[in-house]
Amino acid sequence: MVVLLAVLSALAVVALFGALVFYLIKIIEALESIGGETPRGYSSRSSYLSKIAFGVRAIEQQTGHLGPEVTRLNESLGQAAGGLKSIDDHLGRTIEAAGRQEGA
């Protein structure tokens, strides 16, 4: 009985490793289809994933200076909003004064 259980356990371990190998191969095939051809030797071709990563790095480099500029822009727009509020107040008083003159 012990020998039978040992043999069944060994078969289960072999089946587990076989399934693991099978699915790892399938995962690698799926990743290679996404990543393009796997370079063999000195190939000049690059994978789709490396092209995407290169593009993302380029975008990061091109837009890296926007953070400080946006902060300064927000400060300037805040000051402009204060000036526009002042103009609005003055125009409101001018309209009221013109209305009073017309009524008099």
PDB file of N, CA and C in Angstrom:
ATOM      1  N   MET A   1       0.826  -1.194   0.000  1.00  0.00           N
ATOM      2  CA  MET A   1       0.000   0.000   0.000  1.00  0.00           C
ATOM      3  C   MET A   1       0.876   1.267   0.000  1.00  0.00           C
ATOM      4  N   VAL A   2       1.940   1.252   0.787  1.00  0.00           N
ATOM      5  CA  VAL A   2       2.832   2.403   0.863  1.00  0.00           C
ATOM      6  C   VAL A   2       3.526   2.611  -0.483  1.00  0.00           C
ATOM      7  N   VAL A   3       3.902   1.516  -1.121  1.00  0.00           N
ATOM      8  CA  VAL A   3       4.574   1.613  -2.409  1.00  0.00           C
ATOM      9  C   VAL A   3       3.620   2.212  -3.455  1.00  0.00           C
ATOM     10  N   LEU A   4       2.361   1.805  -3.418  1.00  0.00           N
ATOM     11  CA  LEU A   4       1.363   2.327  -4.344  1.00  0.00           C
ATOM     12  C   LEU A   4       1.176   3.828  -4.145  1.00  0.00           C
ATOM     13  N   LEU A   5       1.073   4.259  -2.901  1.00  0.00           N
ATOM     14  CA  LEU A   5       0.924   5.682  -2.614  1.00  0.00           C
ATOM     15  C   LEU A   5       2.162   6.473  -3.045  1.00  0.00           C
ATOM     16  N   ALA A   6       3.330   5.909  -2.870  1.00  0.00           N
ATOM     17  CA  ALA A   6       4.557   6.574  -3.283  1.00  0.00           C
ATOM     18  C   ALA A   6       4.597   6.721  -4.807  1.00  0.00           C
ATOM     19  N   VAL A   7       4.200   5.672  -5.501  1.00  0.00           N
ATOM     20  CA  VAL A   7       4.179   5.717  -6.961  1.00  0.00           C
ATOM     21  C   VAL A   7       3.148   6.727  -7.445  1.00  0.00           C
ATOM     22  N   LEU A   8       1.972   6.744  -6.835  1.00  0.00           N
ATOM     23  CA  LEU A   8       0.942   7.713  -7.216  1.00  0.00           C
ATOM     24  C   LEU A   8       1.401   9.140  -6.925  1.00  0.00           C
ATOM     25  N   SER A   9       2.081   9.343  -5.812  1.00  0.00           N
ATOM     26  CA  SER A   9       2.610  10.672  -5.483  1.00  0.00           C
ATOM     27  C   SER A   9       3.660  11.103  -6.499  1.00  0.00           C
ATOM     28  N   ALA A  10       4.519  10.180  -6.883  1.00  0.00           N
ATOM     29  CA  ALA A  10       5.537  10.499  -7.879  1.00  0.00           C
ATOM     30  C   ALA A  10       4.889  10.829  -9.224  1.00  0.00           C
ATOM     31  N   LEU A  11       3.854  10.084  -9.605  1.00  0.00           N
ATOM     32  CA  LEU A  11       3.133  10.379 -10.841  1.00  0.00           C
ATOM     33  C   LEU A  11       2.446  11.739 -10.769  1.00  0.00           C
ATOM     34  N   ALA A  12       1.899  12.067  -9.612  1.00  0.00           N
ATOM     35  CA  ALA A  12       1.247  13.369  -9.444  1.00  0.00           C
ATOM     36  C   ALA A  12       2.272  14.500  -9.570  1.00  0.00           C
ATOM     37  N   VAL A  13       3.454  14.310  -9.008  1.00  0.00           N
ATOM     38  CA  VAL A  13       4.505  15.323  -9.115  1.00  0.00           C
ATOM     39  C   VAL A  13       4.946  15.467 -10.563  1.00  0.00           C
ATOM     40  N   VAL A  14       5.099  14.367 -11.273  1.00  0.00           N
ATOM     41  CA  VAL A  14       5.485  14.416 -12.684  1.00  0.00           C
ATOM     42  C   VAL A  14       4.399  15.118 -13.498  1.00  0.00           C
ATOM     43  N   ALA A  15       3.122  14.812 -13.215  1.00  0.00           N
ATOM     44  CA  ALA A  15       2.017  15.460 -13.919  1.00  0.00           C
ATOM     45  C   ALA A  15       1.992  16.954 -13.623  1.00  0.00           C
ATOM     46  N   LEU A  16       2.252  17.319 -12.375  1.00  0.00           N
ATOM     47  CA  LEU A  16       2.282  18.738 -11.993  1.00  0.00           C
ATOM     48  C   LEU A  16       3.390  19.470 -12.744  1.00  0.00           C
ATOM     49  N   PHE A  17       4.594  18.912 -12.748  1.00  0.00           N
ATOM     50  CA  PHE A  17       5.702  19.539 -13.466  1.00  0.00           C
ATOM     51  C   PHE A  17       5.456  19.564 -14.971  1.00  0.00           C
ATOM     52  N   GLY A  18       4.830  18.529 -15.495  1.00  0.00           N
ATOM     53  CA  GLY A  18       4.493  18.515 -16.922  1.00  0.00           C
ATOM     54  C   GLY A  18       3.513  19.630 -17.265  1.00  0.00           C
ATOM     55  N   ALA A  19       2.482  19.805 -16.433  1.00  0.00           N
ATOM     56  CA  ALA A  19       1.523  20.888 -16.661  1.00  0.00           C
ATOM     57  C   ALA A  19       2.200  22.244 -16.516  1.00  0.00           C
ATOM     58  N   LEU A  20       3.087  22.364 -15.550  1.00  0.00           N
ATOM     59  CA  LEU A  20       3.814  23.613 -15.339  1.00  0.00           C
ATOM     60  C   LEU A  20       4.660  23.959 -16.561  1.00  0.00           C
ATOM     61  N   VAL A  21       5.379  22.994 -17.073  1.00  0.00           N
ATOM     62  CA  VAL A  21       6.213  23.213 -18.254  1.00  0.00           C
ATOM     63  C   VAL A  21       5.344  23.575 -19.454  1.00  0.00           C
ATOM     64  N   PHE A  22       4.242  22.855 -19.635  1.00  0.00           N
ATOM     65  CA  PHE A  22       3.344  23.110 -20.760  1.00  0.00           C
ATOM     66  C   PHE A  22       2.821  24.543 -20.730  1.00  0.00           C
ATOM     67  N   TYR A  23       2.318  24.979 -19.574  1.00  0.00           N
ATOM     68  CA  TYR A  23       1.747  26.323 -19.490  1.00  0.00           C
ATOM     69  C   TYR A  23       2.817  27.410 -19.516  1.00  0.00           C
ATOM     70  N   LEU A  24       3.997  27.151 -19.016  1.00  0.00           N
ATOM     71  CA  LEU A  24       5.077  28.124 -19.138  1.00  0.00           C
ATOM     72  C   LEU A  24       5.479  28.317 -20.599  1.00  0.00           C
ATOM     73  N   ILE A  25       5.488  27.246 -21.354  1.00  0.00           N
ATOM     74  CA  ILE A  25       5.787  27.345 -22.788  1.00  0.00           C
ATOM     75  C   ILE A  25       4.707  28.164 -23.484  1.00  0.00           C
ATOM     76  N   LYS A  26       3.447  27.934 -23.123  1.00  0.00           N
ATOM     77  CA  LYS A  26       2.353  28.697 -23.719  1.00  0.00           C
ATOM     78  C   LYS A  26       2.462  30.179 -23.361  1.00  0.00           C
ATOM     79  N   ILE A  27       2.827  30.492 -22.126  1.00  0.00           N
ATOM     80  CA  ILE A  27       2.999  31.886 -21.699  1.00  0.00           C
ATOM     81  C   ILE A  27       4.139  32.530 -22.468  1.00  0.00           C
ATOM     82  N   ILE A  28       5.236  31.818 -22.625  1.00  0.00           N
ATOM     83  CA  ILE A  28       6.382  32.355 -23.373  1.00  0.00           C
ATOM     84  C   ILE A  28       5.987  32.617 -24.821  1.00  0.00           C
ATOM     85  N   GLU A  29       5.235  31.723 -25.435  1.00  0.00           N
ATOM     86  CA  GLU A  29       4.783  31.929 -26.809  1.00  0.00           C
ATOM     87  C   GLU A  29       3.905  33.177 -26.909  1.00  0.00           C
ATOM     88  N   ALA A  30       3.011  33.365 -25.937  1.00  0.00           N
ATOM     89  CA  ALA A  30       2.145  34.548 -25.951  1.00  0.00           C
ATOM     90  C   ALA A  30       2.961  35.823 -25.787  1.00  0.00           C
ATOM     91  N   LEU A  31       3.938  35.798 -24.896  1.00  0.00           N
ATOM     92  CA  LEU A  31       4.774  36.982 -24.697  1.00  0.00           C
ATOM     93  C   LEU A  31       5.641  37.274 -25.915  1.00  0.00           C
ATOM     94  N   GLU A  32       6.140  36.243 -26.568  1.00  0.00           N
ATOM     95  CA  GLU A  32       6.933  36.453 -27.774  1.00  0.00           C
ATOM     96  C   GLU A  32       6.078  37.023 -28.891  1.00  0.00           C
ATOM     97  N   SER A  33       4.794  36.627 -28.963  1.00  0.00           N
ATOM     98  CA  SER A  33       3.935  37.189 -30.004  1.00  0.00           C
ATOM     99  C   SER A  33       3.672  38.665 -29.744  1.00  0.00           C
ATOM    100  N   ILE A  34       3.643  39.072 -28.491  1.00  0.00           N
ATOM    101  CA  ILE A  34       3.466  40.483 -28.157  1.00  0.00           C
ATOM    102  C   ILE A  34       4.771  41.230 -28.384  1.00  0.00           C
ATOM    103  N   GLY A  35       5.854  40.630 -27.962  1.00  0.00           N
ATOM    104  CA  GLY A  35       7.144  41.311 -28.008  1.00  0.00           C
ATOM    105  C   GLY A  35       7.832  41.258 -29.347  1.00  0.00           C
ATOM    106  N   GLY A  36       7.272  40.614 -30.323  1.00  0.00           N
ATOM    107  CA  GLY A  36       7.923  40.503 -31.623  1.00  0.00           C
ATOM    108  C   GLY A  36       8.874  39.319 -31.637  1.00  0.00           C
ATOM    109  N   GLU A  37       9.719  39.318 -32.631  1.00  0.00           N
ATOM    110  CA  GLU A  37      10.655  38.203 -32.765  1.00  0.00           C
ATOM    111  C   GLU A  37      11.712  38.253 -31.679  1.00  0.00           C
ATOM    112  N   THR A  38      12.060  37.099 -31.186  1.00  0.00           N
ATOM    113  CA  THR A  38      13.142  37.020 -30.228  1.00  0.00           C
ATOM    114  C   THR A  38      14.451  37.123 -30.993  1.00  0.00           C
ATOM    115  N   PRO A  39      15.296  38.097 -30.627  1.00  0.00           N
ATOM    116  CA  PRO A  39      16.544  38.231 -31.377  1.00  0.00           C
ATOM    117  C   PRO A  39      17.432  37.005 -31.180  1.00  0.00           C
ATOM    118  N   ARG A  40      17.887  36.444 -32.277  1.00  0.00           N
ATOM    119  CA  ARG A  40      18.799  35.305 -32.240  1.00  0.00           C
ATOM    120  C   ARG A  40      20.134  35.818 -32.773  1.00  0.00           C
ATOM    121  N   GLY A  41      21.115  35.861 -31.914  1.00  0.00           N
ATOM    122  CA  GLY A  41      22.406  36.385 -32.339  1.00  0.00           C
ATOM    123  C   GLY A  41      22.376  37.900 -32.354  1.00  0.00           C
ATOM    124  N   TYR A  42      22.921  38.482 -33.420  1.00  0.00           N
ATOM    125  CA  TYR A  42      22.980  39.933 -33.535  1.00  0.00           C
ATOM    126  C   TYR A  42      21.953  40.399 -34.556  1.00  0.00           C
ATOM    127  N   SER A  43      20.716  40.431 -34.151  1.00  0.00           N
ATOM    128  CA  SER A  43      19.648  40.859 -35.040  1.00  0.00           C
ATOM    129  C   SER A  43      19.415  42.353 -34.889  1.00  0.00           C
ATOM    130  N   SER A  44      19.122  43.029 -35.990  1.00  0.00           N
ATOM    131  CA  SER A  44      18.870  44.470 -35.932  1.00  0.00           C
ATOM    132  C   SER A  44      17.413  44.751 -35.600  1.00  0.00           C
ATOM    133  N   ARG A  45      16.580  43.739 -35.589  1.00  0.00           N
ATOM    134  CA  ARG A  45      15.167  43.937 -35.293  1.00  0.00           C
ATOM    135  C   ARG A  45      14.973  44.095 -33.794  1.00  0.00           C
ATOM    136  N   SER A  46      14.021  44.944 -33.443  1.00  0.00           N
ATOM    137  CA  SER A  46      13.692  45.083 -32.033  1.00  0.00           C
ATOM    138  C   SER A  46      12.223  44.717 -31.845  1.00  0.00           C
ATOM    139  N   SER A  47      11.863  44.386 -30.647  1.00  0.00           N
ATOM    140  CA  SER A  47      10.504  43.923 -30.393  1.00  0.00           C
ATOM    141  C   SER A  47       9.554  45.100 -30.301  1.00  0.00           C
ATOM    142  N   TYR A  48       8.277  44.800 -30.392  1.00  0.00           N
ATOM    143  CA  TYR A  48       7.249  45.821 -30.260  1.00  0.00           C
ATOM    144  C   TYR A  48       7.306  46.446 -28.869  1.00  0.00           C
ATOM    145  N   LEU A  49       7.559  45.616 -27.862  1.00  0.00           N
ATOM    146  CA  LEU A  49       7.618  46.134 -26.496  1.00  0.00           C
ATOM    147  C   LEU A  49       8.769  47.115 -26.333  1.00  0.00           C
ATOM    148  N   SER A  50       9.894  46.840 -26.956  1.00  0.00           N
ATOM    149  CA  SER A  50      11.017  47.774 -26.829  1.00  0.00           C
ATOM    150  C   SER A  50      10.711  49.071 -27.563  1.00  0.00           C
ATOM    151  N   LYS A  51       9.991  48.996 -28.673  1.00  0.00           N
ATOM    152  CA  LYS A  51       9.600  50.212 -29.385  1.00  0.00           C
ATOM    153  C   LYS A  51       8.639  51.045 -28.543  1.00  0.00           C
ATOM    154  N   ILE A  52       7.706  50.381 -27.878  1.00  0.00           N
ATOM    155  CA  ILE A  52       6.766  51.091 -27.008  1.00  0.00           C
ATOM    156  C   ILE A  52       7.508  51.727 -25.845  1.00  0.00           C
ATOM    157  N   ALA A  53       8.415  50.978 -25.236  1.00  0.00           N
ATOM    158  CA  ALA A  53       9.184  51.528 -24.116  1.00  0.00           C
ATOM    159  C   ALA A  53      10.021  52.723 -24.567  1.00  0.00           C
ATOM    160  N   PHE A  54      10.597  52.651 -25.757  1.00  0.00           N
ATOM    161  CA  PHE A  54      11.374  53.769 -26.292  1.00  0.00           C
ATOM    162  C   PHE A  54      10.482  54.988 -26.487  1.00  0.00           C
ATOM    163  N   GLY A  55       9.295  54.781 -27.014  1.00  0.00           N
ATOM    164  CA  GLY A  55       8.358  55.885 -27.220  1.00  0.00           C
ATOM    165  C   GLY A  55       7.912  56.519 -25.920  1.00  0.00           C
ATOM    166  N   VAL A  56       7.648  55.688 -24.915  1.00  0.00           N
ATOM    167  CA  VAL A  56       7.234  56.215 -23.611  1.00  0.00           C
ATOM    168  C   VAL A  56       8.362  57.019 -22.984  1.00  0.00           C
ATOM    169  N   ARG A  57       9.596  56.542 -23.097  1.00  0.00           N
ATOM    170  CA  ARG A  57      10.739  57.303 -22.569  1.00  0.00           C
ATOM    171  C   ARG A  57      10.893  58.630 -23.311  1.00  0.00           C
ATOM    172  N   ALA A  58      10.666  58.615 -24.614  1.00  0.00           N
ATOM    173  CA  ALA A  58      10.765  59.860 -25.388  1.00  0.00           C
ATOM    174  C   ALA A  58       9.698  60.857 -24.946  1.00  0.00           C
ATOM    175  N   ILE A  59       8.489  60.375 -24.726  1.00  0.00           N
ATOM    176  CA  ILE A  59       7.418  61.257 -24.247  1.00  0.00           C
ATOM    177  C   ILE A  59       7.762  61.804 -22.876  1.00  0.00           C
ATOM    178  N   GLU A  60       8.302  60.964 -22.021  1.00  0.00           N
ATOM    179  CA  GLU A  60       8.695  61.416 -20.683  1.00  0.00           C
ATOM    180  C   GLU A  60       9.754  62.510 -20.763  1.00  0.00           C
ATOM    181  N   GLN A  61      10.724  62.343 -21.647  1.00  0.00           N
ATOM    182  CA  GLN A  61      11.774  63.347 -21.796  1.00  0.00           C
ATOM    183  C   GLN A  61      11.220  64.637 -22.383  1.00  0.00           C
ATOM    184  N   GLN A  62      10.330  64.521 -23.343  1.00  0.00           N
ATOM    185  CA  GLN A  62       9.785  65.704 -24.001  1.00  0.00           C
ATOM    186  C   GLN A  62       8.853  66.500 -23.090  1.00  0.00           C
ATOM    187  N   THR A  63       8.166  65.829 -22.185  1.00  0.00           N
ATOM    188  CA  THR A  63       7.181  66.511 -21.334  1.00  0.00           C
ATOM    189  C   THR A  63       7.674  66.704 -19.907  1.00  0.00           C
ATOM    190  N   GLY A  64       8.903  66.366 -19.617  1.00  0.00           N
ATOM    191  CA  GLY A  64       9.427  66.457 -18.253  1.00  0.00           C
ATOM    192  C   GLY A  64       9.474  67.876 -17.716  1.00  0.00           C
ATOM    193  N   HIS A  65       9.626  68.872 -18.591  1.00  0.00           N
ATOM    194  CA  HIS A  65       9.732  70.260 -18.158  1.00  0.00           C
ATOM    195  C   HIS A  65       8.366  70.904 -17.920  1.00  0.00           C
ATOM    196  N   LEU A  66       7.272  70.226 -18.226  1.00  0.00           N
ATOM    197  CA  LEU A  66       5.947  70.826 -18.102  1.00  0.00           C
ATOM    198  C   LEU A  66       5.516  71.055 -16.654  1.00  0.00           C
ATOM    199  N   GLY A  67       5.960  70.221 -15.735  1.00  0.00           N
ATOM    200  CA  GLY A  67       5.535  70.349 -14.335  1.00  0.00           C
ATOM    201  C   GLY A  67       5.810  71.720 -13.746  1.00  0.00           C
ATOM    202  N   PRO A  68       7.061  72.187 -13.748  1.00  0.00           N
ATOM    203  CA  PRO A  68       7.338  73.517 -13.196  1.00  0.00           C
ATOM    204  C   PRO A  68       6.653  74.638 -13.981  1.00  0.00           C
ATOM    205  N   GLU A  69       6.545  74.470 -15.303  1.00  0.00           N
ATOM    206  CA  GLU A  69       5.905  75.507 -16.116  1.00  0.00           C
ATOM    207  C   GLU A  69       4.421  75.612 -15.793  1.00  0.00           C
ATOM    208  N   VAL A  70       3.764  74.496 -15.558  1.00  0.00           N
ATOM    209  CA  VAL A  70       2.344  74.516 -15.227  1.00  0.00           C
ATOM    210  C   VAL A  70       2.132  75.205 -13.887  1.00  0.00           C
ATOM    211  N   THR A  71       3.035  74.996 -12.932  1.00  0.00           N
ATOM    212  CA  THR A  71       2.916  75.659 -11.637  1.00  0.00           C
ATOM    213  C   THR A  71       3.013  77.172 -11.813  1.00  0.00           C
ATOM    214  N   ARG A  72       3.973  77.623 -12.595  1.00  0.00           N
ATOM    215  CA  ARG A  72       4.102  79.065 -12.845  1.00  0.00           C
ATOM    216  C   ARG A  72       2.894  79.601 -13.613  1.00  0.00           C
ATOM    217  N   LEU A  73       2.397  78.823 -14.554  1.00  0.00           N
ATOM    218  CA  LEU A  73       1.215  79.238 -15.311  1.00  0.00           C
ATOM    219  C   LEU A  73       0.012  79.385 -14.391  1.00  0.00           C
ATOM    220  N   ASN A  74      -0.164  78.449 -13.458  1.00  0.00           N
ATOM    221  CA  ASN A  74      -1.281  78.536 -12.514  1.00  0.00           C
ATOM    222  C   ASN A  74      -1.182  79.792 -11.655  1.00  0.00           C
ATOM    223  N   GLU A  75       0.023  80.131 -11.212  1.00  0.00           N
ATOM    224  CA  GLU A  75       0.203  81.349 -10.427  1.00  0.00           C
ATOM    225  C   GLU A  75      -0.150  82.579 -11.260  1.00  0.00           C
ATOM    226  N   SER A  76       0.291  82.623 -12.498  1.00  0.00           N
ATOM    227  CA  SER A  76      -0.010  83.753 -13.374  1.00  0.00           C
ATOM    228  C   SER A  76      -1.506  83.857 -13.653  1.00  0.00           C
ATOM    229  N   LEU A  77      -2.134  82.713 -13.858  1.00  0.00           N
ATOM    230  CA  LEU A  77      -3.579  82.733 -14.110  1.00  0.00           C
ATOM    231  C   LEU A  77      -4.346  83.163 -12.866  1.00  0.00           C
ATOM    232  N   GLY A  78      -3.845  82.817 -11.697  1.00  0.00           N
ATOM    233  CA  GLY A  78      -4.475  83.283 -10.455  1.00  0.00           C
ATOM    234  C   GLY A  78      -4.402  84.797 -10.341  1.00  0.00           C
ATOM    235  N   GLN A  79      -3.258  85.369 -10.690  1.00  0.00           N
ATOM    236  CA  GLN A  79      -3.119  86.825 -10.664  1.00  0.00           C
ATOM    237  C   GLN A  79      -4.031  87.469 -11.712  1.00  0.00           C
ATOM    238  N   ALA A  80      -4.116  86.854 -12.898  1.00  0.00           N
ATOM    239  CA  ALA A  80      -4.999  87.380 -13.939  1.00  0.00           C
ATOM    240  C   ALA A  80      -6.455  87.306 -13.499  1.00  0.00           C
ATOM    241  N   ALA A  81      -6.828  86.258 -12.797  1.00  0.00           N
ATOM    242  CA  ALA A  81      -8.200  86.138 -12.305  1.00  0.00           C
ATOM    243  C   ALA A  81      -8.507  87.249 -11.309  1.00  0.00           C
ATOM    244  N   GLY A  82      -7.548  87.583 -10.452  1.00  0.00           N
ATOM    245  CA  GLY A  82      -7.743  88.701  -9.519  1.00  0.00           C
ATOM    246  C   GLY A  82      -7.930  90.012 -10.258  1.00  0.00           C
ATOM    247  N   GLY A  83      -7.128  90.252 -11.305  1.00  0.00           N
ATOM    248  CA  GLY A  83      -7.272  91.474 -12.108  1.00  0.00           C
ATOM    249  C   GLY A  83      -8.607  91.529 -12.817  1.00  0.00           C
ATOM    250  N   LEU A  84      -9.066  90.410 -13.352  1.00  0.00           N
ATOM    251  CA  LEU A  84     -10.360  90.370 -14.028  1.00  0.00           C
ATOM    252  C   LEU A  84     -11.511  90.601 -13.065  1.00  0.00           C
ATOM    253  N   LYS A  85     -11.357  90.100 -11.844  1.00  0.00           N
ATOM    254  CA  LYS A  85     -12.380  90.337 -10.809  1.00  0.00           C
ATOM    255  C   LYS A  85     -12.475  91.833 -10.506  1.00  0.00           C
ATOM    256  N   SER A  86     -11.322  92.499 -10.439  1.00  0.00           N
ATOM    257  CA  SER A  86     -11.290  93.939 -10.198  1.00  0.00           C
ATOM    258  C   SER A  86     -11.962  94.692 -11.340  1.00  0.00           C
ATOM    259  N   ILE A  87     -11.678  94.297 -12.579  1.00  0.00           N
ATOM    260  CA  ILE A  87     -12.310  94.929 -13.742  1.00  0.00           C
ATOM    261  C   ILE A  87     -13.814  94.710 -13.704  1.00  0.00           C
ATOM    262  N   ASP A  88     -14.235  93.515 -13.348  1.00  0.00           N
ATOM    263  CA  ASP A  88     -15.662  93.203 -13.252  1.00  0.00           C
ATOM    264  C   ASP A  88     -16.339  94.099 -12.218  1.00  0.00           C
ATOM    265  N   ASP A  89     -15.700  94.267 -11.084  1.00  0.00           N
ATOM    266  CA  ASP A  89     -16.264  95.134 -10.045  1.00  0.00           C
ATOM    267  C   ASP A  89     -16.394  96.570 -10.554  1.00  0.00           C
ATOM    268  N   HIS A  90     -15.345  97.080 -11.209  1.00  0.00           N
ATOM    269  CA  HIS A  90     -15.385  98.450 -11.734  1.00  0.00           C
ATOM    270  C   HIS A  90     -16.468  98.605 -12.796  1.00  0.00           C
ATOM    271  N   LEU A  91     -16.598  97.618 -13.688  1.00  0.00           N
ATOM    272  CA  LEU A  91     -17.640  97.693 -14.716  1.00  0.00           C
ATOM    273  C   LEU A  91     -19.028  97.647 -14.095  1.00  0.00           C
ATOM    274  N   GLY A  92     -19.185  96.848 -13.045  1.00  0.00           N
ATOM    275  CA  GLY A  92     -20.479  96.795 -12.358  1.00  0.00           C
ATOM    276  C   GLY A  92     -20.842  98.147 -11.755  1.00  0.00           C
ATOM    277  N   ARG A  93     -19.866  98.804 -11.130  1.00  0.00           N
ATOM    278  CA  ARG A  93     -20.127 100.120 -10.555  1.00  0.00           C
ATOM    279  C   ARG A  93     -20.396 101.154 -11.639  1.00  0.00           C
ATOM    280  N   THR A  94     -19.691 101.041 -12.782  1.00  0.00           N
ATOM    281  CA  THR A  94     -19.910 101.964 -13.897  1.00  0.00           C
ATOM    282  C   THR A  94     -21.322 101.812 -14.449  1.00  0.00           C
ATOM    283  N   ILE A  95     -21.778 100.568 -14.582  1.00  0.00           N
ATOM    284  CA  ILE A  95     -23.131 100.309 -15.084  1.00  0.00           C
ATOM    285  C   ILE A  95     -24.155 100.863 -14.109  1.00  0.00           C
ATOM    286  N   GLU A  96     -23.943 100.677 -12.820  1.00  0.00           N
ATOM    287  CA  GLU A  96     -24.860 101.232 -11.808  1.00  0.00           C
ATOM    288  C   GLU A  96     -24.903 102.744 -11.876  1.00  0.00           C
ATOM    289  N   ALA A  97     -23.726 103.379 -12.021  1.00  0.00           N
ATOM    290  CA  ALA A  97     -23.667 104.831 -12.082  1.00  0.00           C
ATOM    291  C   ALA A  97     -24.347 105.329 -13.344  1.00  0.00           C
ATOM    292  N   ALA A  98     -24.157 104.632 -14.484  1.00  0.00           N
ATOM    293  CA  ALA A  98     -24.818 105.044 -15.733  1.00  0.00           C
ATOM    294  C   ALA A  98     -26.315 104.890 -15.604  1.00  0.00           C
ATOM    295  N   GLY A  99     -26.745 103.834 -14.917  1.00  0.00           N
ATOM    296  CA  GLY A  99     -28.178 103.632 -14.697  1.00  0.00           C
ATOM    297  C   GLY A  99     -28.765 104.745 -13.835  1.00  0.00           C
ATOM    298  N   ARG A 100     -28.035 105.199 -12.816  1.00  0.00           N
ATOM    299  CA  ARG A 100     -28.531 106.269 -11.957  1.00  0.00           C
ATOM    300  C   ARG A 100     -28.600 107.589 -12.725  1.00  0.00           C
ATOM    301  N   GLN A 101     -27.619 107.830 -13.606  1.00  0.00           N
ATOM    302  CA  GLN A 101     -27.628 109.063 -14.378  1.00  0.00           C
ATOM    303  C   GLN A 101     -28.782 109.086 -15.366  1.00  0.00           C
ATOM    304  N   GLU A 102     -29.077 107.930 -15.944  1.00  0.00           N
ATOM    305  CA  GLU A 102     -30.162 107.844 -16.894  1.00  0.00           C
ATOM    306  C   GLU A 102     -31.505 108.071 -16.213  1.00  0.00           C
ATOM    307  N   GLY A 103     -31.644 107.575 -15.003  1.00  0.00           N
ATOM    308  CA  GLY A 103     -32.890 107.708 -14.254  1.00  0.00           C
ATOM    309  C   GLY A 103     -33.095 109.104 -13.687  1.00  0.00           C
ATOM    310  N   ALA A 104     -32.029 109.865 -13.551  1.00  0.00           N
ATOM    311  CA  ALA A 104     -32.170 111.178 -12.935  1.00  0.00           C
ATOM    312  C   ALA A 104     -32.654 112.232 -13.858  1.00  0.00           C
TER     313      ALA A 104
END
